Amino acid sequence: MNQWISALGVEVLKLRRSRLFWISLAASMMVPVMIGLVFSGTIGSQSSFEGEINMAGLLKELGIVISMGGLIGFGFVFSWIFGREYSDRTLKDLLALPLSRYGVAAAKLLVAAVLSMGLALLVFIVGCLTAGLVGLDGWSLEVILHGFGRYAEVSLMVICLSIPVAWMACIGRGYMTPLGVVLLTIVVAQFGGALGIVEYIPWAIPGLFSGASGEESSHLEAISRMLPYLTGGIGIIGTLAWWRYADQT
């Protein structure tokens, strides 16, 4: 346990000293502020968004943003945390430490997941604060709490779908392969609608559940809603198995 806590502390320290941490925080605050200002009519055109221009509509829009942008943003987080060890050639030094491979990989997964959760929560909080400051119609604690449930589930789905990116970073031994996989999954999700199987493509589920394709798509069967979590489980198993059994030389 002490070794695992040490590994976790090392990963947190590396993240805190990285540019990725501060850039991701800035982006997570800037995006909801811009959406809130557009919704209020302060900048841009309100016609850019479909649906109601009120607090409920803004919360739905935040969910749509996370369902799409989160696949890229969270995917980059997992890609960086795992891929940098190969790109910076620090993997051998890391494996030489008196820590289990499982412990190191688990610590990286936990740090990436917690950071992604924190960023998703930051987007929601900043979006709600911006809406309150600009006096957006329908702003109330009841509306916020009601909208948070769906937003939280969409965010959790996206985080689970980003976990296999860590596995791809290990296989590709760097950044490029996992980022390519992220783009590929987005393309596959887009083409799923044309093939009539979009409800069975894991990476398309968050967008459907958030209502990005219309309210009729936000009511999914249980099997469809489970796919992102199953995908995340496969990613965890694959990542831990790679760290344990793959040749790291």
Protein backbone atom coordinates (compact mmCIF):
# COMPACT_ATOMS: atom_id res chain seq x y z
CA MET A 1 0.00 0.00 0.00
CA ASN A 2 2.80 2.44 0.89
CA GLN A 3 4.49 1.75 -2.45
CA TRP A 4 1.26 2.43 -4.31
CA ILE A 5 0.75 5.70 -2.44
CA SER A 6 4.31 6.68 -3.35
CA ALA A 7 3.62 5.95 -7.02
CA LEU A 8 0.45 8.00 -6.80
CA GLY A 9 2.32 10.90 -5.23
CA VAL A 10 4.94 10.83 -7.99
CA GLU A 11 2.26 10.98 -10.69
CA VAL A 12 0.48 13.85 -8.98
CA LEU A 13 3.74 15.77 -8.67
CA LYS A 14 4.60 15.24 -12.35
CA LEU A 15 1.12 16.39 -13.36
CA ARG A 16 1.20 19.48 -11.18
CA ARG A 17 4.51 20.58 -12.70
CA SER A 18 3.40 19.98 -16.27
CA ARG A 19 1.99 22.50 -18.73
CA LEU A 20 -0.84 20.10 -19.53
CA PHE A 21 -2.41 20.67 -16.13
CA TRP A 22 -2.59 24.45 -16.44
CA ILE A 23 -3.58 24.44 -20.10
CA SER A 24 -6.41 22.01 -19.43
CA LEU A 25 -7.64 24.14 -16.52
CA ALA A 26 -7.64 27.27 -18.68
CA ALA A 27 -9.52 25.54 -21.50
CA SER A 28 -12.08 24.08 -19.10
CA MET A 29 -12.86 27.57 -17.80
CA MET A 30 -12.80 29.38 -21.12
CA VAL A 31 -15.24 27.12 -22.99
CA PRO A 32 -18.20 27.38 -20.54
CA VAL A 33 -17.66 31.12 -20.17
CA MET A 34 -17.94 31.56 -23.93
CA ILE A 35 -21.06 29.38 -24.07
CA GLY A 36 -22.67 31.34 -21.23
CA LEU A 37 -21.92 34.67 -22.87
CA VAL A 38 -23.35 33.51 -26.19
CA PHE A 39 -26.47 32.14 -24.50
CA SER A 40 -27.02 35.50 -22.80
CA GLY A 41 -26.57 37.38 -26.08
CA THR A 42 -23.53 39.24 -24.76
CA ILE A 43 -21.38 38.01 -27.66
CA GLY A 44 -22.08 36.10 -30.84
CA SER A 45 -25.52 34.95 -31.95
CA GLN A 46 -27.96 32.95 -29.85
CA SER A 47 -29.18 31.28 -33.04
CA SER A 48 -25.92 29.30 -33.02
CA PHE A 49 -27.55 26.95 -30.52
CA GLU A 50 -30.62 24.83 -31.09
CA GLY A 51 -33.31 24.47 -28.46
CA GLU A 52 -34.28 26.75 -25.60
CA ILE A 53 -32.05 29.69 -24.72
CA ASN A 54 -32.29 29.36 -20.96
CA MET A 55 -30.52 27.63 -18.09
CA ALA A 56 -31.84 24.19 -18.98
CA GLY A 57 -30.67 24.70 -22.56
CA LEU A 58 -27.23 25.79 -21.39
CA LEU A 59 -26.83 22.70 -19.20
CA LYS A 60 -27.80 20.52 -22.13
CA GLU A 61 -25.24 22.32 -24.29
CA LEU A 62 -22.52 21.72 -21.68
CA GLY A 63 -23.35 18.02 -21.83
CA ILE A 64 -23.09 18.04 -25.61
CA VAL A 65 -19.72 19.81 -25.41
CA ILE A 66 -18.39 17.22 -22.96
CA SER A 67 -19.75 14.32 -25.02
CA MET A 68 -17.81 15.51 -28.08
CA GLY A 69 -14.91 17.62 -26.84
CA GLY A 70 -14.29 15.33 -23.88
CA LEU A 71 -13.32 12.46 -26.15
CA ILE A 72 -10.47 14.62 -27.42
CA GLY A 73 -9.63 16.43 -24.18
CA PHE A 74 -9.76 13.46 -21.82
CA GLY A 75 -8.18 11.26 -24.46
CA PHE A 76 -5.24 13.63 -24.60
CA VAL A 77 -4.92 13.49 -20.79
CA PHE A 78 -4.66 9.68 -20.78
CA SER A 79 -2.37 9.80 -23.82
CA TRP A 80 0.00 12.29 -22.19
CA ILE A 81 0.18 10.61 -18.78
CA PHE A 82 1.11 7.26 -20.32
CA GLY A 83 2.78 8.28 -23.58
CA ARG A 84 5.21 10.78 -22.08
CA GLU A 85 7.16 7.99 -20.36
CA TYR A 86 8.04 6.58 -23.77
CA SER A 87 8.60 9.93 -25.52
CA ASP A 88 10.78 11.28 -22.70
CA ARG A 89 12.55 7.90 -22.39
CA THR A 90 11.88 7.76 -18.66
CA LEU A 91 10.06 4.41 -18.64
CA LYS A 92 13.16 2.34 -17.79
CA ASP A 93 13.98 4.66 -14.90
CA LEU A 94 10.41 4.32 -13.66
CA LEU A 95 10.47 0.53 -13.87
CA ALA A 96 13.78 0.45 -11.98
CA LEU A 97 12.11 1.88 -8.89
CA PRO A 98 11.04 -0.53 -6.12
CA LEU A 99 7.40 -0.31 -7.20
CA SER A 100 5.17 -2.95 -8.76
CA ARG A 101 4.23 -2.46 -12.38
CA TYR A 102 0.57 -2.84 -11.48
CA GLY A 103 0.94 -0.09 -8.88
CA VAL A 104 2.54 2.35 -11.30
CA ALA A 105 -0.05 1.71 -14.03
CA ALA A 106 -2.95 1.91 -11.55
CA ALA A 107 -1.61 5.20 -10.16
CA LYS A 108 -1.42 6.65 -13.66
CA LEU A 109 -4.96 5.52 -14.47
CA LEU A 110 -6.31 7.00 -11.24
CA VAL A 111 -4.57 10.34 -11.73
CA ALA A 112 -5.81 10.60 -15.33
CA ALA A 113 -9.37 9.68 -14.33
CA VAL A 114 -9.47 12.09 -11.38
CA LEU A 115 -8.06 14.93 -13.50
CA SER A 116 -10.68 14.27 -16.18
CA MET A 117 -13.44 14.24 -13.56
CA GLY A 118 -12.14 17.48 -12.12
CA LEU A 119 -12.06 19.15 -15.53
CA ALA A 120 -15.62 18.02 -16.29
CA LEU A 121 -16.80 19.36 -12.93
CA LEU A 122 -14.96 22.63 -13.54
CA VAL A 123 -16.73 23.07 -16.88
CA PHE A 124 -20.11 22.59 -15.18
CA ILE A 125 -19.38 24.93 -12.25
CA VAL A 126 -17.96 27.72 -14.42
CA GLY A 127 -20.88 27.37 -16.83
CA CYS A 128 -23.40 27.71 -13.99
CA LEU A 129 -21.56 30.67 -12.45
CA THR A 130 -21.38 32.43 -15.81
CA ALA A 131 -25.10 31.86 -16.39
CA GLY A 132 -25.87 33.31 -12.95
CA LEU A 133 -23.68 36.37 -13.48
CA VAL A 134 -25.27 37.22 -16.85
CA GLY A 135 -28.79 36.62 -15.49
CA LEU A 136 -29.74 33.78 -17.83
CA ASP A 137 -33.45 32.92 -17.73
CA GLY A 138 -34.42 29.90 -15.64
CA TRP A 139 -31.34 29.97 -13.42
CA SER A 140 -32.15 28.14 -10.19
CA LEU A 141 -30.62 25.56 -7.91
CA GLU A 142 -33.38 23.10 -8.79
CA VAL A 143 -32.65 23.35 -12.51
CA ILE A 144 -28.92 23.00 -11.90
CA LEU A 145 -29.31 19.89 -9.74
CA HIS A 146 -31.69 18.35 -12.26
CA GLY A 147 -29.29 18.98 -15.13
CA PHE A 148 -26.23 17.80 -13.21
CA GLY A 149 -27.39 14.19 -13.08
CA ARG A 150 -27.40 13.73 -16.85
CA TYR A 151 -24.24 15.83 -17.24
CA ALA A 152 -22.39 13.69 -14.67
CA GLU A 153 -23.38 10.45 -16.41
CA VAL A 154 -22.32 11.78 -19.81
CA SER A 155 -18.97 12.85 -18.33
CA LEU A 156 -18.44 9.46 -16.71
CA MET A 157 -19.19 7.72 -20.01
CA VAL A 158 -16.64 9.86 -21.82
CA ILE A 159 -13.97 9.23 -19.17
CA CYS A 160 -14.54 5.47 -19.43
CA LEU A 161 -14.25 5.68 -23.21
CA SER A 162 -10.94 7.52 -22.81
CA ILE A 163 -9.33 4.79 -20.70
CA PRO A 164 -8.43 2.55 -23.70
CA VAL A 165 -6.36 5.49 -24.98
CA ALA A 166 -3.89 4.72 -22.18
CA TRP A 167 -3.58 1.18 -23.51
CA MET A 168 -2.99 2.48 -27.04
CA ALA A 169 -0.31 4.86 -25.70
CA CYS A 170 1.50 1.86 -24.23
CA ILE A 171 1.21 -0.18 -27.42
CA GLY A 172 2.25 2.76 -29.60
CA ARG A 173 4.95 3.82 -27.12
CA GLY A 174 4.16 7.53 -27.37
CA TYR A 175 1.54 10.15 -28.18
CA MET A 176 0.74 9.73 -31.86
CA THR A 177 -0.90 6.30 -31.88
CA PRO A 178 -3.41 7.03 -29.09
CA LEU A 179 -4.33 10.41 -30.56
CA GLY A 180 -4.88 8.73 -33.91
CA VAL A 181 -7.13 6.20 -32.20
CA VAL A 182 -9.13 9.04 -30.63
CA LEU A 183 -9.73 10.61 -34.03
CA LEU A 184 -10.62 7.22 -35.49
CA THR A 185 -13.22 6.54 -32.81
CA ILE A 186 -14.84 9.93 -33.49
CA VAL A 187 -15.02 9.16 -37.20
CA VAL A 188 -16.48 5.71 -36.52
CA ALA A 189 -19.10 7.26 -34.23
CA GLN A 190 -20.11 9.69 -36.98
CA PHE A 191 -20.47 6.96 -39.59
CA GLY A 192 -22.46 4.76 -37.20
CA GLY A 193 -25.60 6.74 -37.91
CA ALA A 194 -25.38 6.09 -41.62
CA LEU A 195 -25.05 2.37 -40.97
CA GLY A 196 -27.98 2.31 -38.56
CA ILE A 197 -25.91 0.91 -35.68
CA VAL A 198 -25.06 4.12 -33.84
CA GLU A 199 -26.69 2.88 -30.61
CA TYR A 200 -24.18 0.05 -30.49
CA ILE A 201 -21.04 2.12 -31.02
CA PRO A 202 -19.64 2.99 -27.56
CA TRP A 203 -18.10 6.31 -28.61
CA ALA A 204 -21.42 7.55 -30.01
CA ILE A 205 -23.41 6.84 -26.85
CA PRO A 206 -22.46 9.99 -24.85
CA GLY A 207 -23.55 12.21 -27.74
CA LEU A 208 -26.86 10.38 -28.07
CA PHE A 209 -27.46 10.41 -24.32
CA SER A 210 -26.74 14.15 -24.09
CA GLY A 211 -29.32 14.86 -26.79
CA ALA A 212 -26.83 16.04 -29.38
CA SER A 213 -28.85 14.29 -32.09
CA GLY A 214 -32.23 15.33 -30.73
CA GLU A 215 -34.33 14.48 -27.70
CA GLU A 216 -35.49 11.25 -29.31
CA SER A 217 -31.92 9.97 -29.12
CA SER A 218 -31.46 10.74 -25.42
CA HIS A 219 -33.49 7.70 -24.33
CA LEU A 220 -31.24 4.70 -24.85
CA GLU A 221 -31.65 1.05 -23.98
CA ALA A 222 -29.74 -0.28 -20.98
CA ILE A 223 -27.35 -2.27 -23.17
CA SER A 224 -26.35 0.89 -25.05
CA ARG A 225 -25.76 2.83 -21.84
CA MET A 226 -23.55 0.02 -20.53
CA LEU A 227 -21.23 -0.03 -23.54
CA PRO A 228 -19.02 2.91 -22.46
CA TYR A 229 -18.45 1.33 -19.04
CA LEU A 230 -17.63 -2.05 -20.59
CA THR A 231 -15.19 -0.30 -22.92
CA GLY A 232 -13.54 1.39 -19.95
CA GLY A 233 -13.22 -1.95 -18.16
CA ILE A 234 -11.52 -3.47 -21.20
CA GLY A 235 -9.15 -0.50 -21.27
CA ILE A 236 -8.20 -0.97 -17.63
CA ILE A 237 -7.54 -4.70 -18.08
CA GLY A 238 -5.55 -4.11 -21.27
CA THR A 239 -3.43 -1.35 -19.75
CA LEU A 240 -2.60 -3.29 -16.58
CA ALA A 241 -1.86 -6.45 -18.55
CA TRP A 242 0.46 -4.55 -20.91
CA TRP A 243 2.43 -3.07 -18.04
CA ARG A 244 2.67 -6.46 -16.36
CA TYR A 245 3.50 -8.77 -19.26
CA ALA A 246 4.77 -6.71 -22.23
CA ASP A 247 8.47 -6.37 -22.95
CA GLN A 248 9.32 -2.79 -21.97
CA THR A 249 12.88 -2.82 -23.29
